[in-house]
Amino acid sequence: ARSYYAGNPDGGNLKSADNVVSPAYIYNTINRMQKGGSDCKTPISISGALELLKKQGAVPLSAMAYKENDCLAQAAPEELQKYGARFRIDGWLRLDDPVSLPVIKAQLARGNPVIFGVKITKEWDHEDVWNADYFNKRGPFKSTQRDGREHAMVMTGFDDARQAFKFINSWSNEWGEGGFGWIDYKTLLTLWMEGYVMTVASANTKP
């Protein structure tokens, strides 16, 4: 979500590792404060990640690569000094609870990605169905269950014809449509836990 603002409206190339925020930096920094950084399965909160970006910013992938099972790596102080201000955010807003479709759509229409947490149901564990043809063949993801684990993703758009929101997942670009998927409006509200937007200079996050 923060990397999006590095590419828009400033025109940065998001294919360059210099313009993409390191998820390892965010996770490892917070995890180390919580558990000493030894357990890669310890969850962190969305609000905690946003506060980190507000207070000190982050470093790009070029300065700290993502390694799935390495929770101990830390960025050198000089790297944070070099890049931190660039990736800092002015603040963040939590969306109204209970959230409404118009509130989410309004933020997306302003060009603000919505970071959201949901309960992902057991269907999400069937990795064989999440492929490039899944959403073309079956349409947006639909479910009436609410019994899964917590997961955070980023909403990037919506389509009223599909009655669905488009989102990007963190399970590589081999998941879904190049890392993206669609979730039905009603399903999102059923699984919804929380949602946030960043306030970044030159961006419009006002209600």
N, C-alpha and C. Protein backbone atom coordinates (compact mmCIF):
# COMPACT_ATOMS: atom_id res chain seq x y z
N ALA A 1 0.83 -1.20 0.00
CA ALA A 1 0.00 0.00 0.00
C ALA A 1 0.87 1.26 0.00
N ARG A 2 1.93 1.25 0.81
CA ARG A 2 2.81 2.42 0.84
C ARG A 2 3.58 2.55 -0.47
N SER A 3 3.96 1.45 -1.06
CA SER A 3 4.69 1.49 -2.32
C SER A 3 3.85 2.12 -3.42
N TYR A 4 2.54 1.94 -3.35
CA TYR A 4 1.65 2.53 -4.35
C TYR A 4 1.87 4.04 -4.44
N TYR A 5 1.99 4.68 -3.30
CA TYR A 5 2.18 6.13 -3.29
C TYR A 5 3.55 6.55 -3.80
N ALA A 6 4.51 5.61 -3.76
CA ALA A 6 5.83 5.92 -4.30
C ALA A 6 5.78 5.98 -5.82
N GLY A 7 4.81 5.24 -6.40
CA GLY A 7 4.67 5.24 -7.85
C GLY A 7 3.62 6.19 -8.35
N ASN A 8 2.68 6.57 -7.50
CA ASN A 8 1.59 7.45 -7.91
C ASN A 8 1.30 8.42 -6.77
N PRO A 9 1.39 9.73 -6.94
CA PRO A 9 1.50 10.40 -8.24
C PRO A 9 2.92 10.80 -8.60
N ASP A 10 3.92 10.34 -7.87
CA ASP A 10 5.28 10.80 -8.12
C ASP A 10 5.93 10.21 -9.36
N GLY A 11 5.31 9.16 -9.91
CA GLY A 11 5.84 8.58 -11.14
C GLY A 11 6.98 7.62 -10.96
N GLY A 12 7.19 7.10 -9.76
CA GLY A 12 8.26 6.13 -9.54
C GLY A 12 7.94 4.82 -10.23
N ASN A 13 8.96 4.09 -10.61
CA ASN A 13 8.80 2.81 -11.27
C ASN A 13 8.72 1.71 -10.23
N LEU A 14 7.54 1.11 -10.06
CA LEU A 14 7.37 0.10 -9.02
C LEU A 14 7.97 -1.25 -9.40
N LYS A 15 8.56 -1.33 -10.59
CA LYS A 15 9.30 -2.54 -10.93
C LYS A 15 10.73 -2.46 -10.39
N SER A 16 11.07 -1.28 -9.90
CA SER A 16 12.39 -1.09 -9.31
C SER A 16 12.33 -1.34 -7.82
N ALA A 17 13.26 -2.14 -7.31
CA ALA A 17 13.30 -2.46 -5.88
C ALA A 17 13.57 -1.23 -5.03
N ASP A 18 14.05 -0.16 -5.64
CA ASP A 18 14.30 1.08 -4.90
C ASP A 18 13.00 1.77 -4.50
N ASN A 19 11.91 1.46 -5.18
CA ASN A 19 10.64 2.15 -4.94
C ASN A 19 9.60 1.30 -4.22
N VAL A 20 9.98 0.09 -3.85
CA VAL A 20 9.05 -0.82 -3.17
C VAL A 20 9.49 -1.00 -1.72
N VAL A 21 8.58 -0.71 -0.80
CA VAL A 21 8.88 -0.84 0.62
C VAL A 21 9.15 -2.30 0.98
N SER A 22 10.16 -2.52 1.80
CA SER A 22 10.50 -3.87 2.23
C SER A 22 9.51 -4.37 3.29
N PRO A 23 8.74 -5.42 2.99
CA PRO A 23 7.84 -5.98 4.00
C PRO A 23 8.63 -6.61 5.14
N ALA A 24 9.84 -7.09 4.83
CA ALA A 24 10.68 -7.69 5.86
C ALA A 24 11.08 -6.66 6.90
N TYR A 25 11.33 -5.43 6.44
CA TYR A 25 11.72 -4.39 7.39
C TYR A 25 10.57 -4.12 8.37
N ILE A 26 9.37 -3.98 7.85
CA ILE A 26 8.21 -3.68 8.70
C ILE A 26 7.96 -4.83 9.67
N TYR A 27 7.89 -6.05 9.13
CA TYR A 27 7.58 -7.19 10.00
C TYR A 27 8.68 -7.45 11.02
N ASN A 28 9.92 -7.51 10.56
CA ASN A 28 11.02 -7.84 11.48
C ASN A 28 11.19 -6.81 12.58
N THR A 29 11.01 -5.54 12.23
CA THR A 29 11.17 -4.49 13.25
C THR A 29 10.14 -4.63 14.35
N ILE A 30 8.88 -4.83 13.96
CA ILE A 30 7.80 -4.95 14.95
C ILE A 30 7.89 -6.28 15.69
N ASN A 31 8.16 -7.34 14.96
CA ASN A 31 8.25 -8.66 15.58
C ASN A 31 9.37 -8.72 16.61
N ARG A 32 10.46 -8.06 16.32
CA ARG A 32 11.59 -8.06 17.26
C ARG A 32 11.20 -7.34 18.56
N MET A 33 10.41 -6.27 18.45
CA MET A 33 9.95 -5.57 19.64
C MET A 33 8.97 -6.41 20.44
N GLN A 34 8.21 -7.25 19.73
CA GLN A 34 7.19 -8.07 20.41
C GLN A 34 7.75 -9.35 21.02
N LYS A 35 8.48 -10.09 20.20
CA LYS A 35 8.90 -11.44 20.61
C LYS A 35 10.41 -11.68 20.47
N GLY A 36 11.15 -10.64 20.22
CA GLY A 36 12.57 -10.84 20.03
C GLY A 36 12.93 -11.28 18.63
N GLY A 37 11.92 -11.42 17.77
CA GLY A 37 12.16 -11.73 16.36
C GLY A 37 12.44 -13.18 16.04
N SER A 38 12.25 -14.10 16.98
CA SER A 38 12.62 -15.49 16.74
C SER A 38 11.53 -16.29 16.05
N ASP A 39 10.30 -15.88 16.15
CA ASP A 39 9.18 -16.65 15.62
C ASP A 39 8.57 -15.92 14.42
N CYS A 40 8.72 -16.50 13.24
CA CYS A 40 8.19 -15.87 12.02
C CYS A 40 6.67 -15.99 11.91
N LYS A 41 6.06 -16.75 12.79
CA LYS A 41 4.61 -16.92 12.71
C LYS A 41 3.85 -15.98 13.65
N THR A 42 4.57 -15.17 14.40
CA THR A 42 3.92 -14.22 15.29
C THR A 42 3.25 -13.12 14.48
N PRO A 43 1.94 -12.92 14.62
CA PRO A 43 1.28 -11.89 13.83
C PRO A 43 1.59 -10.49 14.35
N ILE A 44 1.52 -9.52 13.46
CA ILE A 44 1.61 -8.12 13.86
C ILE A 44 0.33 -7.44 13.41
N SER A 45 0.00 -6.33 14.03
CA SER A 45 -1.25 -5.63 13.69
C SER A 45 -1.04 -4.65 12.54
N ILE A 46 -2.12 -4.39 11.81
CA ILE A 46 -2.07 -3.41 10.74
C ILE A 46 -1.75 -2.04 11.32
N SER A 47 -2.41 -1.70 12.41
CA SER A 47 -2.19 -0.39 13.02
C SER A 47 -0.75 -0.24 13.49
N GLY A 48 -0.14 -1.34 13.96
CA GLY A 48 1.24 -1.30 14.39
C GLY A 48 2.17 -0.99 13.23
N ALA A 49 1.89 -1.60 12.07
CA ALA A 49 2.70 -1.35 10.88
C ALA A 49 2.54 0.09 10.42
N LEU A 50 1.32 0.62 10.50
CA LEU A 50 1.08 2.00 10.10
C LEU A 50 1.77 2.99 11.04
N GLU A 51 1.77 2.68 12.31
CA GLU A 51 2.46 3.54 13.27
C GLU A 51 3.97 3.56 13.02
N LEU A 52 4.52 2.42 12.65
CA LEU A 52 5.94 2.35 12.32
C LEU A 52 6.26 3.26 11.14
N LEU A 53 5.41 3.20 10.12
CA LEU A 53 5.62 4.04 8.94
C LEU A 53 5.46 5.53 9.28
N LYS A 54 4.57 5.81 10.20
CA LYS A 54 4.36 7.20 10.61
C LYS A 54 5.55 7.75 11.38
N LYS A 55 6.10 6.95 12.27
CA LYS A 55 7.16 7.42 13.16
C LYS A 55 8.55 7.41 12.51
N GLN A 56 8.83 6.39 11.71
CA GLN A 56 10.19 6.30 11.18
C GLN A 56 10.28 5.94 9.71
N GLY A 57 9.16 5.64 9.06
CA GLY A 57 9.24 5.27 7.65
C GLY A 57 9.74 3.85 7.49
N ALA A 58 10.44 3.59 6.38
CA ALA A 58 10.90 2.24 6.09
C ALA A 58 12.04 2.29 5.09
N VAL A 59 12.54 1.12 4.73
CA VAL A 59 13.59 1.03 3.71
C VAL A 59 13.04 0.23 2.53
N PRO A 60 13.60 0.40 1.34
CA PRO A 60 13.12 -0.34 0.17
C PRO A 60 13.67 -1.75 0.10
N LEU A 61 13.11 -2.53 -0.82
CA LEU A 61 13.58 -3.90 -1.02
C LEU A 61 15.04 -3.96 -1.42
N SER A 62 15.49 -2.94 -2.12
CA SER A 62 16.89 -2.92 -2.54
C SER A 62 17.84 -2.86 -1.34
N ALA A 63 17.35 -2.35 -0.21
CA ALA A 63 18.17 -2.23 0.99
C ALA A 63 17.96 -3.39 1.94
N MET A 64 16.80 -4.05 1.83
CA MET A 64 16.51 -5.19 2.71
C MET A 64 15.56 -6.13 1.99
N ALA A 65 16.11 -7.20 1.44
CA ALA A 65 15.31 -8.16 0.68
C ALA A 65 14.41 -8.97 1.60
N TYR A 66 13.33 -9.48 1.04
CA TYR A 66 12.40 -10.31 1.81
C TYR A 66 12.85 -11.76 1.77
N LYS A 67 13.01 -12.36 2.95
CA LYS A 67 13.34 -13.78 3.06
C LYS A 67 12.31 -14.39 4.01
N GLU A 68 11.54 -15.30 3.48
CA GLU A 68 10.36 -15.82 4.19
C GLU A 68 10.63 -16.30 5.60
N ASN A 69 11.72 -16.97 5.83
CA ASN A 69 11.97 -17.57 7.14
C ASN A 69 13.03 -16.85 7.95
N ASP A 70 13.33 -15.62 7.57
CA ASP A 70 14.33 -14.84 8.31
C ASP A 70 13.65 -13.68 9.00
N CYS A 71 13.44 -13.81 10.31
CA CYS A 71 12.78 -12.77 11.08
C CYS A 71 13.76 -11.96 11.92
N LEU A 72 15.05 -12.30 11.82
CA LEU A 72 16.05 -11.65 12.65
C LEU A 72 16.79 -10.52 11.92
N ALA A 73 16.79 -10.56 10.60
CA ALA A 73 17.52 -9.56 9.83
C ALA A 73 17.00 -8.16 10.13
N GLN A 74 17.91 -7.24 10.25
CA GLN A 74 17.55 -5.84 10.49
C GLN A 74 18.30 -4.95 9.50
N ALA A 75 17.68 -3.83 9.16
CA ALA A 75 18.33 -2.89 8.25
C ALA A 75 19.40 -2.10 9.01
N ALA A 76 20.46 -1.77 8.33
CA ALA A 76 21.51 -0.96 8.94
C ALA A 76 20.96 0.43 9.24
N PRO A 77 21.36 1.04 10.37
CA PRO A 77 20.87 2.38 10.73
C PRO A 77 21.04 3.40 9.61
N GLU A 78 22.14 3.30 8.87
CA GLU A 78 22.37 4.27 7.81
C GLU A 78 21.38 4.11 6.65
N GLU A 79 20.85 2.89 6.48
CA GLU A 79 19.84 2.67 5.45
C GLU A 79 18.54 3.37 5.82
N LEU A 80 18.15 3.27 7.09
CA LEU A 80 16.94 3.95 7.54
C LEU A 80 17.12 5.47 7.45
N GLN A 81 18.30 5.92 7.79
CA GLN A 81 18.58 7.35 7.71
C GLN A 81 18.48 7.83 6.27
N LYS A 82 18.89 6.98 5.34
CA LYS A 82 18.89 7.34 3.93
C LYS A 82 17.49 7.33 3.33
N TYR A 83 16.68 6.32 3.68
CA TYR A 83 15.39 6.12 3.02
C TYR A 83 14.17 6.42 3.88
N GLY A 84 14.34 6.44 5.20
CA GLY A 84 13.19 6.50 6.10
C GLY A 84 12.20 7.61 5.78
N ALA A 85 12.69 8.82 5.60
CA ALA A 85 11.80 9.96 5.37
C ALA A 85 11.01 9.80 4.08
N ARG A 86 11.61 9.16 3.10
CA ARG A 86 10.93 8.99 1.81
C ARG A 86 9.67 8.13 1.94
N PHE A 87 9.73 7.13 2.80
CA PHE A 87 8.61 6.21 2.93
C PHE A 87 7.76 6.47 4.17
N ARG A 88 8.02 7.57 4.86
CA ARG A 88 7.21 7.90 6.03
C ARG A 88 5.82 8.34 5.57
N ILE A 89 4.82 8.14 6.42
CA ILE A 89 3.47 8.61 6.12
C ILE A 89 3.09 9.69 7.12
N ASP A 90 2.16 10.57 6.73
CA ASP A 90 1.72 11.63 7.63
C ASP A 90 0.86 11.09 8.76
N GLY A 91 0.10 10.05 8.46
CA GLY A 91 -0.78 9.46 9.47
C GLY A 91 -1.63 8.37 8.82
N TRP A 92 -2.65 7.94 9.53
CA TRP A 92 -3.53 6.91 8.99
C TRP A 92 -4.91 7.04 9.61
N LEU A 93 -5.90 6.53 8.90
CA LEU A 93 -7.29 6.59 9.35
C LEU A 93 -7.89 5.19 9.38
N ARG A 94 -8.62 4.90 10.43
CA ARG A 94 -9.36 3.64 10.46
C ARG A 94 -10.76 3.90 9.93
N LEU A 95 -11.22 3.05 9.02
CA LEU A 95 -12.54 3.23 8.44
C LEU A 95 -13.62 2.92 9.47
N ASP A 96 -14.78 3.55 9.27
CA ASP A 96 -15.89 3.39 10.21
C ASP A 96 -16.21 1.93 10.47
N ASP A 97 -16.61 1.63 11.67
CA ASP A 97 -16.99 0.27 12.05
C ASP A 97 -18.41 0.31 12.64
N PRO A 98 -19.41 -0.36 12.04
CA PRO A 98 -19.26 -1.24 10.87
C PRO A 98 -19.02 -0.45 9.59
N VAL A 99 -18.22 -1.03 8.72
CA VAL A 99 -17.88 -0.35 7.49
C VAL A 99 -19.03 -0.47 6.49
N SER A 100 -19.09 0.45 5.55
CA SER A 100 -20.11 0.39 4.50
C SER A 100 -19.44 0.40 3.14
N LEU A 101 -20.12 -0.13 2.14
CA LEU A 101 -19.56 -0.17 0.80
C LEU A 101 -19.25 1.24 0.28
N PRO A 102 -20.14 2.24 0.48
CA PRO A 102 -19.83 3.59 -0.02
C PRO A 102 -18.55 4.17 0.57
N VAL A 103 -18.26 3.88 1.84
CA VAL A 103 -17.04 4.40 2.47
C VAL A 103 -15.80 3.82 1.79
N ILE A 104 -15.82 2.52 1.55
CA ILE A 104 -14.68 1.87 0.89
C ILE A 104 -14.53 2.40 -0.54
N LYS A 105 -15.64 2.46 -1.26
CA LYS A 105 -15.60 2.91 -2.65
C LYS A 105 -15.10 4.35 -2.75
N ALA A 106 -15.49 5.19 -1.81
CA ALA A 106 -15.09 6.59 -1.85
C ALA A 106 -13.57 6.73 -1.74
N GLN A 107 -12.95 5.95 -0.87
CA GLN A 107 -11.50 6.01 -0.72
C GLN A 107 -10.81 5.49 -1.98
N LEU A 108 -11.31 4.41 -2.54
CA LEU A 108 -10.71 3.86 -3.76
C LEU A 108 -10.87 4.83 -4.93
N ALA A 109 -12.02 5.49 -5.00
CA ALA A 109 -12.25 6.45 -6.07
C ALA A 109 -11.30 7.63 -5.99
N ARG A 110 -10.84 7.94 -4.77
CA ARG A 110 -9.87 9.03 -4.58
C ARG A 110 -8.44 8.58 -4.86
N GLY A 111 -8.27 7.31 -5.18
CA GLY A 111 -6.94 6.80 -5.46
C GLY A 111 -6.20 6.30 -4.23
N ASN A 112 -6.95 6.00 -3.17
CA ASN A 112 -6.33 5.53 -1.92
C ASN A 112 -6.57 4.04 -1.73
N PRO A 113 -5.52 3.21 -1.79
CA PRO A 113 -5.72 1.79 -1.51
C PRO A 113 -6.20 1.58 -0.08
N VAL A 114 -7.07 0.61 0.11
CA VAL A 114 -7.63 0.32 1.44
C VAL A 114 -6.99 -0.95 1.98
N ILE A 115 -6.30 -0.81 3.10
CA ILE A 115 -5.69 -1.96 3.77
C ILE A 115 -6.78 -2.58 4.64
N PHE A 116 -7.03 -3.87 4.48
CA PHE A 116 -8.15 -4.46 5.23
C PHE A 116 -7.79 -5.83 5.80
N GLY A 117 -8.39 -6.12 6.94
CA GLY A 117 -8.22 -7.41 7.58
C GLY A 117 -9.53 -8.17 7.53
N VAL A 118 -9.45 -9.46 7.19
CA VAL A 118 -10.64 -10.30 7.10
C VAL A 118 -10.37 -11.66 7.75
N LYS A 119 -11.44 -12.38 7.98
CA LYS A 119 -11.33 -13.78 8.39
C LYS A 119 -11.35 -14.61 7.11
N ILE A 120 -10.21 -15.22 6.75
CA ILE A 120 -10.21 -16.03 5.54
C ILE A 120 -10.66 -17.44 5.89
N THR A 121 -11.63 -17.93 5.14
CA THR A 121 -12.27 -19.20 5.43
C THR A 121 -11.47 -20.37 4.87
N LYS A 122 -11.94 -21.57 5.13
CA LYS A 122 -11.17 -22.76 4.74
C LYS A 122 -10.98 -22.87 3.23
N GLU A 123 -11.86 -22.20 2.44
CA GLU A 123 -11.69 -22.24 1.00
C GLU A 123 -10.35 -21.65 0.57
N TRP A 124 -9.82 -20.71 1.36
CA TRP A 124 -8.56 -20.06 0.99
C TRP A 124 -7.38 -21.01 1.08
N ASP A 125 -7.54 -22.12 1.79
CA ASP A 125 -6.43 -23.06 1.94
C ASP A 125 -6.30 -24.01 0.76
N HIS A 126 -7.29 -24.03 -0.12
CA HIS A 126 -7.22 -24.90 -1.29
C HIS A 126 -6.45 -24.18 -2.38
N GLU A 127 -5.13 -24.23 -2.28
CA GLU A 127 -4.28 -23.45 -3.17
C GLU A 127 -4.44 -23.85 -4.64
N ASP A 128 -4.90 -25.08 -4.91
CA ASP A 128 -5.01 -25.52 -6.29
C ASP A 128 -6.09 -24.76 -7.05
N VAL A 129 -7.04 -24.16 -6.33
CA VAL A 129 -8.11 -23.44 -7.04
C VAL A 129 -7.73 -21.97 -7.27
N TRP A 130 -6.72 -21.49 -6.59
CA TRP A 130 -6.32 -20.09 -6.78
C TRP A 130 -5.29 -20.01 -7.90
N ASN A 131 -5.77 -19.96 -9.11
CA ASN A 131 -4.86 -19.86 -10.25
C ASN A 131 -5.35 -18.77 -11.19
N ALA A 132 -4.67 -18.57 -12.29
CA ALA A 132 -4.98 -17.47 -13.20
C ALA A 132 -6.40 -17.52 -13.75
N ASP A 133 -6.97 -18.73 -13.83
CA ASP A 133 -8.30 -18.86 -14.41
C ASP A 133 -9.42 -18.86 -13.38
N TYR A 134 -9.06 -18.85 -12.08
CA TYR A 134 -10.07 -18.99 -11.04
C TYR A 134 -11.17 -17.94 -11.14
N PHE A 135 -10.78 -16.67 -11.17
CA PHE A 135 -11.77 -15.60 -11.15
C PHE A 135 -12.50 -15.47 -12.48
N ASN A 136 -11.83 -15.86 -13.58
CA ASN A 136 -12.51 -15.82 -14.88
C ASN A 136 -13.58 -16.89 -14.97
N LYS A 137 -13.30 -18.06 -14.41
CA LYS A 137 -14.24 -19.17 -14.49
C LYS A 137 -15.34 -19.10 -13.44
N ARG A 138 -14.98 -18.67 -12.22
CA ARG A 138 -15.93 -18.72 -11.11
C ARG A 138 -16.43 -17.36 -10.66
N GLY A 139 -15.81 -16.31 -11.18
CA GLY A 139 -16.23 -14.98 -10.76
C GLY A 139 -15.60 -14.61 -9.42
N PRO A 140 -16.06 -13.53 -8.80
CA PRO A 140 -15.51 -13.09 -7.52
C PRO A 140 -15.66 -14.16 -6.44
N PHE A 141 -14.73 -14.16 -5.48
CA PHE A 141 -14.80 -15.10 -4.37
C PHE A 141 -16.04 -14.81 -3.53
N LYS A 142 -16.79 -15.89 -3.23
CA LYS A 142 -18.00 -15.76 -2.42
C LYS A 142 -17.96 -16.79 -1.30
N SER A 143 -18.46 -16.40 -0.13
CA SER A 143 -18.53 -17.32 1.00
C SER A 143 -19.49 -16.78 2.04
N THR A 144 -20.12 -17.67 2.75
CA THR A 144 -21.00 -17.28 3.86
C THR A 144 -20.38 -17.69 5.19
N GLN A 145 -19.19 -18.28 5.14
CA GLN A 145 -18.51 -18.74 6.35
C GLN A 145 -17.75 -17.59 7.00
N ARG A 146 -17.42 -17.77 8.26
CA ARG A 146 -16.60 -16.79 8.97
C ARG A 146 -15.84 -17.49 10.09
N ASP A 147 -15.09 -18.50 9.67
CA ASP A 147 -14.46 -19.35 10.68
C ASP A 147 -12.96 -19.50 10.48
N GLY A 148 -12.36 -18.62 9.72
CA GLY A 148 -10.95 -18.80 9.39
C GLY A 148 -10.01 -17.96 10.21
N ARG A 149 -8.76 -17.98 9.80
CA ARG A 149 -7.73 -17.19 10.48
C ARG A 149 -7.73 -15.76 9.94
N GLU A 150 -7.03 -14.90 10.63
CA GLU A 150 -6.99 -13.49 10.23
C GLU A 150 -5.94 -13.26 9.16
N HIS A 151 -6.27 -12.40 8.22
CA HIS A 151 -5.34 -12.13 7.11
C HIS A 151 -5.54 -10.70 6.63
N ALA A 152 -4.44 -10.04 6.26
CA ALA A 152 -4.50 -8.66 5.78
C ALA A 152 -4.14 -8.60 4.30
N MET A 153 -4.87 -7.78 3.55
CA MET A 153 -4.63 -7.58 2.13
C MET A 153 -4.87 -6.11 1.80
N VAL A 154 -4.75 -5.76 0.52
CA VAL A 154 -4.93 -4.37 0.11
C VAL A 154 -5.93 -4.30 -1.04
N MET A 155 -6.98 -3.51 -0.86
CA MET A 155 -7.98 -3.32 -1.88
C MET A 155 -7.52 -2.24 -2.85
N THR A 156 -7.66 -2.51 -4.15
CA THR A 156 -7.15 -1.60 -5.17
C THR A 156 -8.20 -1.03 -6.10
N GLY A 157 -9.40 -1.58 -6.09
CA GLY A 157 -10.44 -1.08 -6.99
C GLY A 157 -11.76 -1.80 -6.77
N PHE A 158 -12.77 -1.42 -7.55
CA PHE A 158 -14.07 -2.09 -7.45
C PHE A 158 -14.76 -2.06 -8.80
N ASP A 159 -15.72 -2.97 -8.96
CA ASP A 159 -16.46 -3.08 -10.22
C ASP A 159 -17.91 -3.40 -9.88
N ASP A 160 -18.79 -2.42 -10.06
CA ASP A 160 -20.20 -2.63 -9.72
C ASP A 160 -20.86 -3.67 -10.63
N ALA A 161 -20.35 -3.83 -11.85
CA ALA A 161 -20.90 -4.85 -12.74
C ALA A 161 -20.64 -6.24 -12.17
N ARG A 162 -19.48 -6.42 -11.57
CA ARG A 162 -19.14 -7.69 -10.94
C ARG A 162 -19.66 -7.77 -9.52
N GLN A 163 -20.03 -6.61 -8.95
CA GLN A 163 -20.41 -6.53 -7.54
C GLN A 163 -19.27 -7.05 -6.67
N ALA A 164 -18.09 -6.53 -6.98
CA ALA A 164 -16.92 -7.05 -6.28
C ALA A 164 -15.81 -6.00 -6.18
N PHE A 165 -14.94 -6.19 -5.18
CA PHE A 165 -13.74 -5.39 -5.01
C PHE A 165 -12.54 -6.17 -5.54
N LYS A 166 -11.59 -5.44 -6.12
CA LYS A 166 -10.32 -6.04 -6.55
C LYS A 166 -9.30 -5.82 -5.44
N PHE A 167 -8.51 -6.85 -5.15
CA PHE A 167 -7.52 -6.73 -4.09
C PHE A 167 -6.22 -7.40 -4.52
N ILE A 168 -5.14 -7.04 -3.84
CA ILE A 168 -3.86 -7.71 -4.06
C ILE A 168 -3.50 -8.48 -2.80
N ASN A 169 -3.08 -9.72 -2.99
CA ASN A 169 -2.70 -10.59 -1.89
C ASN A 169 -1.17 -10.59 -1.77
N SER A 170 -0.66 -11.19 -0.73
CA SER A 170 0.79 -11.21 -0.50
C SER A 170 1.38 -12.59 -0.75
N TRP A 171 0.65 -13.43 -1.48
CA TRP A 171 1.10 -14.81 -1.68
C TRP A 171 1.75 -15.00 -3.05
N SER A 172 2.53 -14.06 -3.50
CA SER A 172 3.30 -14.07 -4.74
C SER A 172 2.41 -13.78 -5.95
N ASN A 173 3.08 -13.44 -7.07
CA ASN A 173 2.32 -13.13 -8.28
C ASN A 173 1.87 -14.38 -9.01
N GLU A 174 2.15 -15.55 -8.45
CA GLU A 174 1.63 -16.79 -9.02
C GLU A 174 0.25 -17.11 -8.48
N TRP A 175 -0.17 -16.37 -7.46
CA TRP A 175 -1.50 -16.57 -6.88
C TRP A 175 -2.52 -15.73 -7.65
N GLY A 176 -3.68 -16.31 -7.94
CA GLY A 176 -4.74 -15.56 -8.59
C GLY A 176 -4.31 -14.99 -9.93
N GLU A 177 -4.74 -13.78 -10.21
CA GLU A 177 -4.41 -13.11 -11.47
C GLU A 177 -3.18 -12.22 -11.25
N GLY A 178 -2.00 -12.82 -11.29
CA GLY A 178 -0.78 -12.07 -11.06
C GLY A 178 -0.68 -11.50 -9.66
N GLY A 179 -1.28 -12.20 -8.68
CA GLY A 179 -1.28 -11.74 -7.29
C GLY A 179 -2.56 -11.04 -6.88
N PHE A 180 -3.43 -10.74 -7.86
CA PHE A 180 -4.68 -10.05 -7.59
C PHE A 180 -5.86 -11.01 -7.56
N GLY A 181 -6.94 -10.57 -6.91
CA GLY A 181 -8.17 -11.35 -6.88
C GLY A 181 -9.37 -10.45 -6.76
N TRP A 182 -10.55 -11.06 -6.78
CA TRP A 182 -11.82 -10.33 -6.65
C TRP A 182 -12.63 -10.95 -5.52
N ILE A 183 -13.25 -10.12 -4.71
CA ILE A 183 -14.08 -10.61 -3.61
C ILE A 183 -15.45 -9.94 -3.68
N ASP A 184 -16.48 -10.74 -3.58
CA ASP A 184 -17.87 -10.28 -3.65
C ASP A 184 -18.17 -9.27 -2.55
N TYR A 185 -18.97 -8.25 -2.88
CA TYR A 185 -19.31 -7.20 -1.91
C TYR A 185 -19.85 -7.79 -0.61
N LYS A 186 -20.84 -8.66 -0.71
CA LYS A 186 -21.48 -9.20 0.49
C LYS A 186 -20.50 -10.07 1.29
N THR A 187 -19.68 -10.83 0.58
CA THR A 187 -18.70 -11.67 1.26
C THR A 187 -17.71 -10.82 2.03
N LEU A 188 -17.27 -9.72 1.44
CA LEU A 188 -16.32 -8.85 2.13
C LEU A 188 -16.91 -8.35 3.44
N LEU A 189 -18.16 -7.91 3.40
CA LEU A 189 -18.78 -7.39 4.62
C LEU A 189 -18.96 -8.50 5.66
N THR A 190 -19.16 -9.73 5.19
CA THR A 190 -19.31 -10.87 6.11
C THR A 190 -18.00 -11.19 6.81
N LEU A 191 -16.90 -11.14 6.05
CA LEU A 191 -15.60 -11.53 6.58
C LEU A 191 -14.83 -10.36 7.20
N TRP A 192 -15.32 -9.14 6.99
CA TRP A 192 -14.61 -7.92 7.38
C TRP A 192 -14.28 -7.88 8.87
N MET A 193 -13.05 -7.42 9.17
CA MET A 193 -12.63 -7.20 10.54
C MET A 193 -12.26 -5.73 10.77
N GLU A 194 -11.43 -5.18 9.87
CA GLU A 194 -10.99 -3.79 10.02
C GLU A 194 -10.43 -3.28 8.70
N GLY A 195 -10.39 -1.95 8.56
CA GLY A 195 -9.86 -1.35 7.35
C GLY A 195 -9.21 -0.01 7.63
N TYR A 196 -8.19 0.33 6.85
CA TYR A 196 -7.42 1.55 7.07
C TYR A 196 -7.00 2.18 5.75
N VAL A 197 -6.77 3.49 5.77
CA VAL A 197 -6.11 4.18 4.67
C VAL A 197 -4.99 5.03 5.25
N MET A 198 -3.97 5.23 4.45
CA MET A 198 -2.85 6.07 4.85
C MET A 198 -3.12 7.52 4.47
N THR A 199 -2.60 8.44 5.24
CA THR A 199 -2.59 9.84 4.82
C THR A 199 -1.16 10.15 4.41
N VAL A 200 -1.04 10.47 3.13
CA VAL A 200 0.26 10.72 2.53
C VAL A 200 0.22 12.06 1.80
N ALA A 201 1.28 12.82 1.87
CA ALA A 201 1.32 14.12 1.22
C ALA A 201 0.90 13.98 -0.25
N SER A 202 0.02 14.89 -0.68
CA SER A 202 -0.51 14.95 -2.05
C SER A 202 -1.62 13.94 -2.30
N ALA A 203 -1.95 13.11 -1.29
CA ALA A 203 -3.06 12.18 -1.45
C ALA A 203 -4.30 12.73 -0.76
N ASN A 204 -5.48 12.32 -1.22
CA ASN A 204 -6.74 12.81 -0.66
C ASN A 204 -7.44 11.72 0.11
N THR A 205 -7.35 11.74 1.44
CA THR A 205 -7.99 10.71 2.26
C THR A 205 -9.13 11.29 3.10
N LYS A 206 -9.53 12.51 2.81
CA LYS A 206 -10.61 13.12 3.59
C LYS A 206 -11.92 12.37 3.33
N PRO A 207 -12.79 12.23 4.36
CA PRO A 207 -14.05 11.51 4.19
C PRO A 207 -14.91 12.16 3.12
